[in-house]
Amino acid sequence: MPALFTNFAGRPLQPSGVEKIVQRAKEAAGITDVPVTPHKFRHTFARSWLEHGGEVYSLSRLLGHSSVKITEIYLEDFTSRQARVHHAKYSPLSDMRIRKKGTGRHHYRRQPKLTEQEGDES
């Protein structure tokens, strides 16, 4: 099978070489707040495959896993993520109109109104 990443001699890069390329790309892009690793790309691909309707057995073969049980780890993450999406979409709370802090009119006054008698004393 042809290699995606090769060294100057045309041989496949070792995992450490791929990690160096990804690390340099991360630094060049100025990414500091999220992990960027070859494994993260692999995991993102697997999740995207499942989200777009790919089935787990083909994914398992593509990833080179020895058993579909290993691939099902990706499926667990996918199903919990899908559960959160469905919760946000179908939850009874999603139909409630909740006023956000700092918006709308308040019906209270910050200082009490002075009565006529209190106003005359000053």
PDB file of N, CA and C in Angstrom:
ATOM      1  N   MET A   1       0.842  -1.173   0.000  1.00  0.00           N
ATOM      2  CA  MET A   1       0.000   0.000   0.000  1.00  0.00           C
ATOM      3  C   MET A   1       0.892   1.242   0.000  1.00  0.00           C
ATOM      4  N   PRO A   2       0.622   2.219  -0.846  1.00  0.00           N
ATOM      5  CA  PRO A   2       1.453   3.431  -0.893  1.00  0.00           C
ATOM      6  C   PRO A   2       1.278   4.266   0.380  1.00  0.00           C
ATOM      7  N   ALA A   3       2.340   4.950   0.765  1.00  0.00           N
ATOM      8  CA  ALA A   3       2.311   5.762   1.985  1.00  0.00           C
ATOM      9  C   ALA A   3       1.880   7.185   1.662  1.00  0.00           C
ATOM     10  N   LEU A   4       1.116   7.772   2.538  1.00  0.00           N
ATOM     11  CA  LEU A   4       0.698   9.164   2.369  1.00  0.00           C
ATOM     12  C   LEU A   4       1.849  10.101   2.679  1.00  0.00           C
ATOM     13  N   PHE A   5       2.595   9.789   3.732  1.00  0.00           N
ATOM     14  CA  PHE A   5       3.740  10.606   4.128  1.00  0.00           C
ATOM     15  C   PHE A   5       5.012   9.796   3.931  1.00  0.00           C
ATOM     16  N   THR A   6       5.966  10.381   3.210  1.00  0.00           N
ATOM     17  CA  THR A   6       7.253   9.707   2.995  1.00  0.00           C
ATOM     18  C   THR A   6       8.388  10.629   3.414  1.00  0.00           C
ATOM     19  N   ASN A   7       9.536  10.020   3.684  1.00  0.00           N
ATOM     20  CA  ASN A   7      10.713  10.820   4.007  1.00  0.00           C
ATOM     21  C   ASN A   7      11.447  11.181   2.719  1.00  0.00           C
ATOM     22  N   PHE A   8      12.604  11.824   2.833  1.00  0.00           N
ATOM     23  CA  PHE A   8      13.350  12.251   1.648  1.00  0.00           C
ATOM     24  C   PHE A   8      13.802  11.083   0.783  1.00  0.00           C
ATOM     25  N   ALA A   9      13.931   9.911   1.378  1.00  0.00           N
ATOM     26  CA  ALA A   9      14.345   8.721   0.639  1.00  0.00           C
ATOM     27  C   ALA A   9      13.154   8.016  -0.016  1.00  0.00           C
ATOM     28  N   GLY A  10      11.925   8.530   0.220  1.00  0.00           N
ATOM     29  CA  GLY A  10      10.740   7.930  -0.371  1.00  0.00           C
ATOM     30  C   GLY A  10      10.145   6.793   0.451  1.00  0.00           C
ATOM     31  N   ARG A  11      10.695   6.548   1.615  1.00  0.00           N
ATOM     32  CA  ARG A  11      10.160   5.502   2.479  1.00  0.00           C
ATOM     33  C   ARG A  11       9.060   6.069   3.373  1.00  0.00           C
ATOM     34  N   PRO A  12       8.131   5.219   3.797  1.00  0.00           N
ATOM     35  CA  PRO A  12       7.052   5.703   4.679  1.00  0.00           C
ATOM     36  C   PRO A  12       7.621   6.297   5.966  1.00  0.00           C
ATOM     37  N   LEU A  13       7.015   7.390   6.387  1.00  0.00           N
ATOM     38  CA  LEU A  13       7.423   7.985   7.663  1.00  0.00           C
ATOM     39  C   LEU A  13       7.024   7.085   8.817  1.00  0.00           C
ATOM     40  N   GLN A  14       7.823   7.118   9.837  1.00  0.00           N
ATOM     41  CA  GLN A  14       7.495   6.443  11.082  1.00  0.00           C
ATOM     42  C   GLN A  14       6.448   7.285  11.808  1.00  0.00           C
ATOM     43  N   PRO A  15       5.731   6.707  12.751  1.00  0.00           N
ATOM     44  CA  PRO A  15       4.733   7.492  13.495  1.00  0.00           C
ATOM     45  C   PRO A  15       5.301   8.782  14.097  1.00  0.00           C
ATOM     46  N   SER A  16       6.525   8.736  14.589  1.00  0.00           N
ATOM     47  CA  SER A  16       7.115   9.948  15.182  1.00  0.00           C
ATOM     48  C   SER A  16       7.301  11.044  14.133  1.00  0.00           C
ATOM     49  N   GLY A  17       7.589  10.668  12.903  1.00  0.00           N
ATOM     50  CA  GLY A  17       7.733  11.647  11.833  1.00  0.00           C
ATOM     51  C   GLY A  17       6.413  12.314  11.491  1.00  0.00           C
ATOM     52  N   VAL A  18       5.345  11.528  11.469  1.00  0.00           N
ATOM     53  CA  VAL A  18       4.006  12.079  11.218  1.00  0.00           C
ATOM     54  C   VAL A  18       3.626  13.020  12.362  1.00  0.00           C
ATOM     55  N   GLU A  19       3.935  12.632  13.593  1.00  0.00           N
ATOM     56  CA  GLU A  19       3.633  13.480  14.748  1.00  0.00           C
ATOM     57  C   GLU A  19       4.361  14.819  14.652  1.00  0.00           C
ATOM     58  N   LYS A  20       5.608  14.807  14.186  1.00  0.00           N
ATOM     59  CA  LYS A  20       6.368  16.052  14.029  1.00  0.00           C
ATOM     60  C   LYS A  20       5.720  16.959  12.988  1.00  0.00           C
ATOM     61  N   ILE A  21       5.271  16.389  11.881  1.00  0.00           N
ATOM     62  CA  ILE A  21       4.623  17.186  10.841  1.00  0.00           C
ATOM     63  C   ILE A  21       3.351  17.834  11.390  1.00  0.00           C
ATOM     64  N   VAL A  22       2.560  17.069  12.087  1.00  0.00           N
ATOM     65  CA  VAL A  22       1.307  17.595  12.644  1.00  0.00           C
ATOM     66  C   VAL A  22       1.611  18.665  13.690  1.00  0.00           C
ATOM     67  N   GLN A  23       2.610  18.453  14.523  1.00  0.00           N
ATOM     68  CA  GLN A  23       2.985  19.439  15.549  1.00  0.00           C
ATOM     69  C   GLN A  23       3.439  20.743  14.898  1.00  0.00           C
ATOM     70  N   ARG A  24       4.232  20.651  13.838  1.00  0.00           N
ATOM     71  CA  ARG A  24       4.683  21.870  13.138  1.00  0.00           C
ATOM     72  C   ARG A  24       3.508  22.609  12.514  1.00  0.00           C
ATOM     73  N   ALA A  25       2.566  21.872  11.934  1.00  0.00           N
ATOM     74  CA  ALA A  25       1.381  22.499  11.346  1.00  0.00           C
ATOM     75  C   ALA A  25       0.551  23.187  12.425  1.00  0.00           C
ATOM     76  N   LYS A  26       0.426  22.554  13.580  1.00  0.00           N
ATOM     77  CA  LYS A  26      -0.313  23.142  14.696  1.00  0.00           C
ATOM     78  C   LYS A  26       0.332  24.450  15.138  1.00  0.00           C
ATOM     79  N   GLU A  27       1.641  24.438  15.285  1.00  0.00           N
ATOM     80  CA  GLU A  27       2.362  25.648  15.704  1.00  0.00           C
ATOM     81  C   GLU A  27       2.264  26.737  14.646  1.00  0.00           C
ATOM     82  N   ALA A  28       2.395  26.366  13.368  1.00  0.00           N
ATOM     83  CA  ALA A  28       2.310  27.352  12.286  1.00  0.00           C
ATOM     84  C   ALA A  28       0.927  27.991  12.221  1.00  0.00           C
ATOM     85  N   ALA A  29      -0.097  27.227  12.571  1.00  0.00           N
ATOM     86  CA  ALA A  29      -1.470  27.742  12.561  1.00  0.00           C
ATOM     87  C   ALA A  29      -1.796  28.522  13.828  1.00  0.00           C
ATOM     88  N   GLY A  30      -0.915  28.465  14.822  1.00  0.00           N
ATOM     89  CA  GLY A  30      -1.147  29.171  16.072  1.00  0.00           C
ATOM     90  C   GLY A  30      -2.226  28.547  16.943  1.00  0.00           C
ATOM     91  N   ILE A  31      -2.438  27.264  16.788  1.00  0.00           N
ATOM     92  CA  ILE A  31      -3.466  26.573  17.575  1.00  0.00           C
ATOM     93  C   ILE A  31      -2.895  26.234  18.942  1.00  0.00           C
ATOM     94  N   THR A  32      -3.573  26.716  19.984  1.00  0.00           N
ATOM     95  CA  THR A  32      -3.089  26.457  21.334  1.00  0.00           C
ATOM     96  C   THR A  32      -4.160  25.884  22.254  1.00  0.00           C
ATOM     97  N   ASP A  33      -5.431  26.003  21.868  1.00  0.00           N
ATOM     98  CA  ASP A  33      -6.502  25.658  22.797  1.00  0.00           C
ATOM     99  C   ASP A  33      -7.131  24.284  22.588  1.00  0.00           C
ATOM    100  N   VAL A  34      -6.724  23.555  21.566  1.00  0.00           N
ATOM    101  CA  VAL A  34      -7.265  22.213  21.338  1.00  0.00           C
ATOM    102  C   VAL A  34      -6.134  21.259  20.995  1.00  0.00           C
ATOM    103  N   PRO A  35      -6.293  19.980  21.350  1.00  0.00           N
ATOM    104  CA  PRO A  35      -5.250  19.012  20.991  1.00  0.00           C
ATOM    105  C   PRO A  35      -5.275  18.726  19.487  1.00  0.00           C
ATOM    106  N   VAL A  36      -4.126  18.727  18.881  1.00  0.00           N
ATOM    107  CA  VAL A  36      -3.996  18.397  17.462  1.00  0.00           C
ATOM    108  C   VAL A  36      -2.944  17.299  17.361  1.00  0.00           C
ATOM    109  N   THR A  37      -3.410  16.087  17.095  1.00  0.00           N
ATOM    110  CA  THR A  37      -2.521  14.937  17.006  1.00  0.00           C
ATOM    111  C   THR A  37      -3.001  14.043  15.867  1.00  0.00           C
ATOM    112  N   PRO A  38      -2.138  13.188  15.349  1.00  0.00           N
ATOM    113  CA  PRO A  38      -2.598  12.242  14.336  1.00  0.00           C
ATOM    114  C   PRO A  38      -3.766  11.383  14.833  1.00  0.00           C
ATOM    115  N   HIS A  39      -3.724  10.983  16.091  1.00  0.00           N
ATOM    116  CA  HIS A  39      -4.814  10.170  16.626  1.00  0.00           C
ATOM    117  C   HIS A  39      -6.120  10.952  16.660  1.00  0.00           C
ATOM    118  N   LYS A  40      -6.045  12.266  16.942  1.00  0.00           N
ATOM    119  CA  LYS A  40      -7.244  13.108  16.953  1.00  0.00           C
ATOM    120  C   LYS A  40      -7.842  13.171  15.541  1.00  0.00           C
ATOM    121  N   PHE A  41      -6.999  13.260  14.517  1.00  0.00           N
ATOM    122  CA  PHE A  41      -7.496  13.240  13.139  1.00  0.00           C
ATOM    123  C   PHE A  41      -8.197  11.914  12.850  1.00  0.00           C
ATOM    124  N   ARG A  42      -7.604  10.848  13.296  1.00  0.00           N
ATOM    125  CA  ARG A  42      -8.165   9.507  13.086  1.00  0.00           C
ATOM    126  C   ARG A  42      -9.523   9.378  13.779  1.00  0.00           C
ATOM    127  N   HIS A  43      -9.588   9.856  15.006  1.00  0.00           N
ATOM    128  CA  HIS A  43     -10.830   9.787  15.766  1.00  0.00           C
ATOM    129  C   HIS A  43     -11.912  10.669  15.120  1.00  0.00           C
ATOM    130  N   THR A  44     -11.525  11.847  14.663  1.00  0.00           N
ATOM    131  CA  THR A  44     -12.466  12.755  14.006  1.00  0.00           C
ATOM    132  C   THR A  44     -12.985  12.143  12.713  1.00  0.00           C
ATOM    133  N   PHE A  45     -12.106  11.502  11.953  1.00  0.00           N
ATOM    134  CA  PHE A  45     -12.537  10.820  10.736  1.00  0.00           C
ATOM    135  C   PHE A  45     -13.572   9.745  11.060  1.00  0.00           C
ATOM    136  N   ALA A  46     -13.280   8.933  12.083  1.00  0.00           N
ATOM    137  CA  ALA A  46     -14.185   7.842  12.454  1.00  0.00           C
ATOM    138  C   ALA A  46     -15.549   8.383  12.870  1.00  0.00           C
ATOM    139  N   ARG A  47     -15.557   9.427  13.673  1.00  0.00           N
ATOM    140  CA  ARG A  47     -16.816  10.015  14.121  1.00  0.00           C
ATOM    141  C   ARG A  47     -17.596  10.585  12.944  1.00  0.00           C
ATOM    142  N   SER A  48     -16.897  11.270  12.045  1.00  0.00           N
ATOM    143  CA  SER A  48     -17.538  11.843  10.863  1.00  0.00           C
ATOM    144  C   SER A  48     -18.106  10.747   9.963  1.00  0.00           C
ATOM    145  N   TRP A  49     -17.384   9.656   9.819  1.00  0.00           N
ATOM    146  CA  TRP A  49     -17.839   8.506   9.032  1.00  0.00           C
ATOM    147  C   TRP A  49     -19.190   8.018   9.564  1.00  0.00           C
ATOM    148  N   LEU A  50     -19.263   7.849  10.873  1.00  0.00           N
ATOM    149  CA  LEU A  50     -20.500   7.366  11.497  1.00  0.00           C
ATOM    150  C   LEU A  50     -21.627   8.395  11.379  1.00  0.00           C
ATOM    151  N   GLU A  51     -21.307   9.684  11.560  1.00  0.00           N
ATOM    152  CA  GLU A  51     -22.319  10.736  11.457  1.00  0.00           C
ATOM    153  C   GLU A  51     -22.919  10.815  10.060  1.00  0.00           C
ATOM    154  N   HIS A  52     -22.140  10.465   9.064  1.00  0.00           N
ATOM    155  CA  HIS A  52     -22.621  10.520   7.685  1.00  0.00           C
ATOM    156  C   HIS A  52     -23.230   9.203   7.219  1.00  0.00           C
ATOM    157  N   GLY A  53     -23.488   8.308   8.159  1.00  0.00           N
ATOM    158  CA  GLY A  53     -24.203   7.084   7.841  1.00  0.00           C
ATOM    159  C   GLY A  53     -23.345   5.880   7.525  1.00  0.00           C
ATOM    160  N   GLY A  54     -22.030   6.000   7.647  1.00  0.00           N
ATOM    161  CA  GLY A  54     -21.159   4.854   7.430  1.00  0.00           C
ATOM    162  C   GLY A  54     -21.390   3.805   8.493  1.00  0.00           C
ATOM    163  N   GLU A  55     -21.207   2.565   8.123  1.00  0.00           N
ATOM    164  CA  GLU A  55     -21.439   1.509   9.111  1.00  0.00           C
ATOM    165  C   GLU A  55     -20.130   1.082   9.765  1.00  0.00           C
ATOM    166  N   VAL A  56     -20.266   0.577  10.966  1.00  0.00           N
ATOM    167  CA  VAL A  56     -19.134   0.338  11.839  1.00  0.00           C
ATOM    168  C   VAL A  56     -18.208  -0.766  11.316  1.00  0.00           C
ATOM    169  N   TYR A  57     -18.726  -1.745  10.593  1.00  0.00           N
ATOM    170  CA  TYR A  57     -17.872  -2.841  10.117  1.00  0.00           C
ATOM    171  C   TYR A  57     -16.904  -2.363   9.033  1.00  0.00           C
ATOM    172  N   SER A  58     -17.391  -1.538   8.112  1.00  0.00           N
ATOM    173  CA  SER A  58     -16.489  -0.972   7.099  1.00  0.00           C
ATOM    174  C   SER A  58     -15.465  -0.053   7.748  1.00  0.00           C
ATOM    175  N   LEU A  59     -15.915   0.724   8.711  1.00  0.00           N
ATOM    176  CA  LEU A  59     -15.003   1.612   9.425  1.00  0.00           C
ATOM    177  C   LEU A  59     -13.906   0.811  10.120  1.00  0.00           C
ATOM    178  N   SER A  60     -14.287  -0.291  10.720  1.00  0.00           N
ATOM    179  CA  SER A  60     -13.324  -1.137  11.407  1.00  0.00           C
ATOM    180  C   SER A  60     -12.235  -1.617  10.444  1.00  0.00           C
ATOM    181  N   ARG A  61     -12.657  -2.025   9.252  1.00  0.00           N
ATOM    182  CA  ARG A  61     -11.669  -2.476   8.244  1.00  0.00           C
ATOM    183  C   ARG A  61     -10.788  -1.317   7.790  1.00  0.00           C
ATOM    184  N   LEU A  62     -11.398  -0.142   7.564  1.00  0.00           N
ATOM    185  CA  LEU A  62     -10.614   1.030   7.134  1.00  0.00           C
ATOM    186  C   LEU A  62      -9.565   1.429   8.166  1.00  0.00           C
ATOM    187  N   LEU A  63      -9.941   1.348   9.434  1.00  0.00           N
ATOM    188  CA  LEU A  63      -9.019   1.734  10.501  1.00  0.00           C
ATOM    189  C   LEU A  63      -7.984   0.664  10.799  1.00  0.00           C
ATOM    190  N   GLY A  64      -8.186  -0.543  10.244  1.00  0.00           N
ATOM    191  CA  GLY A  64      -7.226  -1.619  10.453  1.00  0.00           C
ATOM    192  C   GLY A  64      -7.322  -2.263  11.815  1.00  0.00           C
ATOM    193  N   HIS A  65      -8.487  -2.153  12.445  1.00  0.00           N
ATOM    194  CA  HIS A  65      -8.659  -2.769  13.755  1.00  0.00           C
ATOM    195  C   HIS A  65      -8.760  -4.285  13.618  1.00  0.00           C
ATOM    196  N   SER A  66      -8.222  -4.992  14.581  1.00  0.00           N
ATOM    197  CA  SER A  66      -8.260  -6.450  14.557  1.00  0.00           C
ATOM    198  C   SER A  66      -9.645  -6.982  14.911  1.00  0.00           C
ATOM    199  N   SER A  67     -10.435  -6.164  15.560  1.00  0.00           N
ATOM    200  CA  SER A  67     -11.774  -6.584  15.972  1.00  0.00           C
ATOM    201  C   SER A  67     -12.717  -5.385  15.905  1.00  0.00           C
ATOM    202  N   VAL A  68     -13.966  -5.645  15.557  1.00  0.00           N
ATOM    203  CA  VAL A  68     -14.957  -4.574  15.530  1.00  0.00           C
ATOM    204  C   VAL A  68     -15.212  -4.044  16.937  1.00  0.00           C
ATOM    205  N   LYS A  69     -14.899  -4.837  17.960  1.00  0.00           N
ATOM    206  CA  LYS A  69     -15.056  -4.393  19.354  1.00  0.00           C
ATOM    207  C   LYS A  69     -14.219  -3.135  19.627  1.00  0.00           C
ATOM    208  N   ILE A  70     -13.051  -3.079  19.028  1.00  0.00           N
ATOM    209  CA  ILE A  70     -12.194  -1.902  19.189  1.00  0.00           C
ATOM    210  C   ILE A  70     -12.860  -0.693  18.546  1.00  0.00           C
ATOM    211  N   THR A  71     -13.429  -0.880  17.366  1.00  0.00           N
ATOM    212  CA  THR A  71     -14.084   0.210  16.641  1.00  0.00           C
ATOM    213  C   THR A  71     -15.330   0.688  17.384  1.00  0.00           C
ATOM    214  N   GLU A  72     -15.972  -0.194  18.110  1.00  0.00           N
ATOM    215  CA  GLU A  72     -17.187   0.187  18.835  1.00  0.00           C
ATOM    216  C   GLU A  72     -16.918   1.238  19.902  1.00  0.00           C
ATOM    217  N   ILE A  73     -15.667   1.425  20.281  1.00  0.00           N
ATOM    218  CA  ILE A  73     -15.316   2.510  21.197  1.00  0.00           C
ATOM    219  C   ILE A  73     -15.684   3.842  20.551  1.00  0.00           C
ATOM    220  N   TYR A  74     -15.425   3.988  19.245  1.00  0.00           N
ATOM    221  CA  TYR A  74     -15.805   5.197  18.520  1.00  0.00           C
ATOM    222  C   TYR A  74     -17.324   5.337  18.489  1.00  0.00           C
ATOM    223  N   LEU A  75     -18.006   4.209  18.371  1.00  0.00           N
ATOM    224  CA  LEU A  75     -19.462   4.209  18.314  1.00  0.00           C
ATOM    225  C   LEU A  75     -20.058   4.671  19.642  1.00  0.00           C
ATOM    226  N   GLU A  76     -19.437   4.293  20.765  1.00  0.00           N
ATOM    227  CA  GLU A  76     -19.915   4.749  22.069  1.00  0.00           C
ATOM    228  C   GLU A  76     -19.855   6.260  22.162  1.00  0.00           C
ATOM    229  N   ASP A  77     -18.749   6.847  21.720  1.00  0.00           N
ATOM    230  CA  ASP A  77     -18.613   8.301  21.730  1.00  0.00           C
ATOM    231  C   ASP A  77     -19.662   8.923  20.816  1.00  0.00           C
ATOM    232  N   PHE A  78     -19.862   8.322  19.661  1.00  0.00           N
ATOM    233  CA  PHE A  78     -20.839   8.827  18.691  1.00  0.00           C
ATOM    234  C   PHE A  78     -22.239   8.802  19.268  1.00  0.00           C
ATOM    235  N   THR A  79     -22.628   7.702  19.913  1.00  0.00           N
ATOM    236  CA  THR A  79     -23.994   7.595  20.427  1.00  0.00           C
ATOM    237  C   THR A  79     -24.228   8.565  21.578  1.00  0.00           C
ATOM    238  N   SER A  80     -23.243   8.796  22.420  1.00  0.00           N
ATOM    239  CA  SER A  80     -23.448   9.758  23.500  1.00  0.00           C
ATOM    240  C   SER A  80     -23.552  11.170  22.938  1.00  0.00           C
ATOM    241  N   ARG A  81     -22.803  11.456  21.896  1.00  0.00           N
ATOM    242  CA  ARG A  81     -22.889  12.771  21.253  1.00  0.00           C
ATOM    243  C   ARG A  81     -24.262  12.935  20.598  1.00  0.00           C
ATOM    244  N   GLN A  82     -24.732  11.893  19.914  1.00  0.00           N
ATOM    245  CA  GLN A  82     -26.047  11.934  19.286  1.00  0.00           C
ATOM    246  C   GLN A  82     -27.135  12.117  20.338  1.00  0.00           C
ATOM    247  N   ALA A  83     -26.965  11.496  21.493  1.00  0.00           N
ATOM    248  CA  ALA A  83     -27.948  11.638  22.566  1.00  0.00           C
ATOM    249  C   ALA A  83     -28.035  13.094  23.012  1.00  0.00           C
ATOM    250  N   ARG A  84     -26.893  13.766  23.102  1.00  0.00           N
ATOM    251  CA  ARG A  84     -26.904  15.182  23.489  1.00  0.00           C
ATOM    252  C   ARG A  84     -27.603  16.031  22.429  1.00  0.00           C
ATOM    253  N   VAL A  85     -27.369  15.717  21.140  1.00  0.00           N
ATOM    254  CA  VAL A  85     -28.025  16.452  20.055  1.00  0.00           C
ATOM    255  C   VAL A  85     -29.533  16.241  20.122  1.00  0.00           C
ATOM    256  N   HIS A  86     -29.956  14.982  20.306  1.00  0.00           N
ATOM    257  CA  HIS A  86     -31.379  14.693  20.389  1.00  0.00           C
ATOM    258  C   HIS A  86     -32.002  15.333  21.629  1.00  0.00           C
ATOM    259  N   HIS A  87     -31.261  15.354  22.727  1.00  0.00           N
ATOM    260  CA  HIS A  87     -31.785  15.991  23.926  1.00  0.00           C
ATOM    261  C   HIS A  87     -32.043  17.467  23.662  1.00  0.00           C
ATOM    262  N   ALA A  88     -31.098  18.136  23.045  1.00  0.00           N
ATOM    263  CA  ALA A  88     -31.267  19.556  22.760  1.00  0.00           C
ATOM    264  C   ALA A  88     -32.444  19.798  21.816  1.00  0.00           C
ATOM    265  N   LYS A  89     -32.662  18.884  20.887  1.00  0.00           N
ATOM    266  CA  LYS A  89     -33.722  19.059  19.892  1.00  0.00           C
ATOM    267  C   LYS A  89     -35.102  18.707  20.445  1.00  0.00           C
ATOM    268  N   TYR A  90     -35.208  17.644  21.221  1.00  0.00           N
ATOM    269  CA  TYR A  90     -36.508  17.117  21.629  1.00  0.00           C
ATOM    270  C   TYR A  90     -36.884  17.384  23.086  1.00  0.00           C
ATOM    271  N   SER A  91     -36.014  17.993  23.840  1.00  0.00           N
ATOM    272  CA  SER A  91     -36.302  18.243  25.244  1.00  0.00           C
ATOM    273  C   SER A  91     -37.482  19.201  25.379  1.00  0.00           C
ATOM    274  N   PRO A  92     -38.378  18.956  26.340  1.00  0.00           N
ATOM    275  CA  PRO A  92     -39.482  19.893  26.566  1.00  0.00           C
ATOM    276  C   PRO A  92     -38.984  21.295  26.908  1.00  0.00           C
ATOM    277  N   LEU A  93     -37.790  21.385  27.450  1.00  0.00           N
ATOM    278  CA  LEU A  93     -37.243  22.694  27.797  1.00  0.00           C
ATOM    279  C   LEU A  93     -36.901  23.528  26.559  1.00  0.00           C
ATOM    280  N   SER A  94     -36.706  22.871  25.413  1.00  0.00           N
ATOM    281  CA  SER A  94     -36.329  23.623  24.214  1.00  0.00           C
ATOM    282  C   SER A  94     -37.457  24.512  23.714  1.00  0.00           C
ATOM    283  N   ASP A  95     -38.717  24.222  24.121  1.00  0.00           N
ATOM    284  CA  ASP A  95     -39.846  25.052  23.710  1.00  0.00           C
ATOM    285  C   ASP A  95     -40.117  26.203  24.668  1.00  0.00           C
ATOM    286  N   MET A  96     -39.466  26.200  25.807  1.00  0.00           N
ATOM    287  CA  MET A  96     -39.714  27.249  26.789  1.00  0.00           C
ATOM    288  C   MET A  96     -38.991  28.522  26.394  1.00  0.00           C
ATOM    289  N   ARG A  97     -39.665  29.629  26.598  1.00  0.00           N
ATOM    290  CA  ARG A  97     -39.048  30.926  26.331  1.00  0.00           C
ATOM    291  C   ARG A  97     -38.509  31.448  27.651  1.00  0.00           C
ATOM    292  N   ILE A  98     -37.227  31.365  27.816  1.00  0.00           N
ATOM    293  CA  ILE A  98     -36.594  31.772  29.061  1.00  0.00           C
ATOM    294  C   ILE A  98     -35.841  33.061  28.797  1.00  0.00           C
ATOM    295  N   ARG A  99     -36.158  34.094  29.605  1.00  0.00           N
ATOM    296  CA  ARG A  99     -35.490  35.382  29.439  1.00  0.00           C
ATOM    297  C   ARG A  99     -34.042  35.253  29.871  1.00  0.00           C
ATOM    298  N   LYS A 100     -33.166  35.726  29.030  1.00  0.00           N
ATOM    299  CA  LYS A 100     -31.745  35.675  29.347  1.00  0.00           C
ATOM    300  C   LYS A 100     -31.389  36.842  30.261  1.00  0.00           C
ATOM    301  N   LYS A 101     -30.436  36.642  31.116  1.00  0.00           N
ATOM    302  CA  LYS A 101     -30.002  37.669  32.065  1.00  0.00           C
ATOM    303  C   LYS A 101     -29.571  38.922  31.309  1.00  0.00           C
ATOM    304  N   GLY A 102     -30.064  40.046  31.772  1.00  0.00           N
ATOM    305  CA  GLY A 102     -29.645  41.318  31.186  1.00  0.00           C
ATOM    306  C   GLY A 102     -30.477  41.751  29.992  1.00  0.00           C
ATOM    307  N   THR A 103     -31.537  41.034  29.651  1.00  0.00           N
ATOM    308  CA  THR A 103     -32.366  41.437  28.525  1.00  0.00           C
ATOM    309  C   THR A 103     -33.773  41.727  29.013  1.00  0.00           C
ATOM    310  N   GLY A 104     -34.484  42.525  28.289  1.00  0.00           N
ATOM    311  CA  GLY A 104     -35.861  42.841  28.656  1.00  0.00           C
ATOM    312  C   GLY A 104     -35.930  43.934  29.702  1.00  0.00           C
ATOM    313  N   ARG A 105     -37.158  44.260  30.123  1.00  0.00           N
ATOM    314  CA  ARG A 105     -37.359  45.311  31.113  1.00  0.00           C
ATOM    315  C   ARG A 105     -37.523  44.710  32.498  1.00  0.00           C
ATOM    316  N   HIS A 106     -36.984  45.426  33.448  1.00  0.00           N
ATOM    317  CA  HIS A 106     -37.154  45.023  34.830  1.00  0.00           C
ATOM    318  C   HIS A 106     -38.346  45.780  35.395  1.00  0.00           C
ATOM    319  N   HIS A 107     -39.071  45.176  36.306  1.00  0.00           N
ATOM    320  CA  HIS A 107     -40.241  45.805  36.890  1.00  0.00           C
ATOM    321  C   HIS A 107     -39.986  46.222  38.331  1.00  0.00           C
ATOM    322  N   TYR A 108     -38.772  46.448  38.654  1.00  0.00           N
ATOM    323  CA  TYR A 108     -38.457  46.916  39.996  1.00  0.00           C
ATOM    324  C   TYR A 108     -37.557  48.120  39.867  1.00  0.00           C
ATOM    325  N   ARG A 109     -37.525  48.898  40.906  1.00  0.00           N
ATOM    326  CA  ARG A 109     -36.689  50.099  40.900  1.00  0.00           C
ATOM    327  C   ARG A 109     -35.471  49.837  41.783  1.00  0.00           C
ATOM    328  N   ARG A 110     -34.382  50.435  41.393  1.00  0.00           N
ATOM    329  CA  ARG A 110     -33.156  50.236  42.157  1.00  0.00           C
ATOM    330  C   ARG A 110     -33.204  50.981  43.503  1.00  0.00           C
ATOM    331  N   GLN A 111     -33.855  52.141  43.547  1.00  0.00           N
ATOM    332  CA  GLN A 111     -33.979  52.895  44.795  1.00  0.00           C
ATOM    333  C   GLN A 111     -35.462  53.095  45.077  1.00  0.00           C
ATOM    334  N   PRO A 112     -35.839  53.054  46.333  1.00  0.00           N
ATOM    335  CA  PRO A 112     -37.252  53.266  46.631  1.00  0.00           C
ATOM    336  C   PRO A 112     -37.661  54.700  46.302  1.00  0.00           C
ATOM    337  N   LYS A 113     -38.914  54.863  45.872  1.00  0.00           N
ATOM    338  CA  LYS A 113     -39.447  56.192  45.600  1.00  0.00           C
ATOM    339  C   LYS A 113     -39.582  56.958  46.908  1.00  0.00           C
ATOM    340  N   LEU A 114     -39.282  58.208  46.870  1.00  0.00           N
ATOM    341  CA  LEU A 114     -39.462  59.041  48.055  1.00  0.00           C
ATOM    342  C   LEU A 114     -40.918  59.479  48.129  1.00  0.00           C
ATOM    343  N   THR A 115     -41.455  59.457  49.309  1.00  0.00           N
ATOM    344  CA  THR A 115     -42.806  59.989  49.487  1.00  0.00           C
ATOM    345  C   THR A 115     -42.703  61.498  49.544  1.00  0.00           C
ATOM    346  N   GLU A 116     -43.816  62.198  49.440  1.00  0.00           N
ATOM    347  CA  GLU A 116     -43.796  63.665  49.499  1.00  0.00           C
ATOM    348  C   GLU A 116     -43.207  64.133  50.814  1.00  0.00           C
ATOM    349  N   GLN A 117     -43.544  63.464  51.858  1.00  0.00           N
ATOM    350  CA  GLN A 117     -43.095  63.858  53.191  1.00  0.00           C
ATOM    351  C   GLN A 117     -41.582  63.687  53.285  1.00  0.00           C
ATOM    352  N   GLU A 118     -41.007  62.578  52.777  1.00  0.00           N
ATOM    353  CA  GLU A 118     -39.564  62.337  52.816  1.00  0.00           C
ATOM    354  C   GLU A 118     -38.833  63.337  51.946  1.00  0.00           C
ATOM    355  N   GLY A 119     -39.454  63.736  50.832  1.00  0.00           N
ATOM    356  CA  GLY A 119     -38.831  64.683  49.925  1.00  0.00           C
ATOM    357  C   GLY A 119     -38.729  66.064  50.534  1.00  0.00           C
ATOM    358  N   ASP A 120     -39.698  66.445  51.403  1.00  0.00           N
ATOM    359  CA  ASP A 120     -39.693  67.769  52.024  1.00  0.00           C
ATOM    360  C   ASP A 120     -38.636  67.876  53.099  1.00  0.00           C
ATOM    361  N   GLU A 121     -38.238  66.776  53.693  1.00  0.00           N
ATOM    362  CA  GLU A 121     -37.283  66.820  54.796  1.00  0.00           C
ATOM    363  C   GLU A 121     -35.890  67.171  54.342  1.00  0.00           C
ATOM    364  N   SER A 122     -35.530  67.005  53.066  1.00  0.00           N
ATOM    365  CA  SER A 122     -34.158  67.273  52.667  1.00  0.00           C
ATOM    366  C   SER A 122     -33.911  68.702  52.368  1.00  0.00           C
TER     367      SER A 122
END
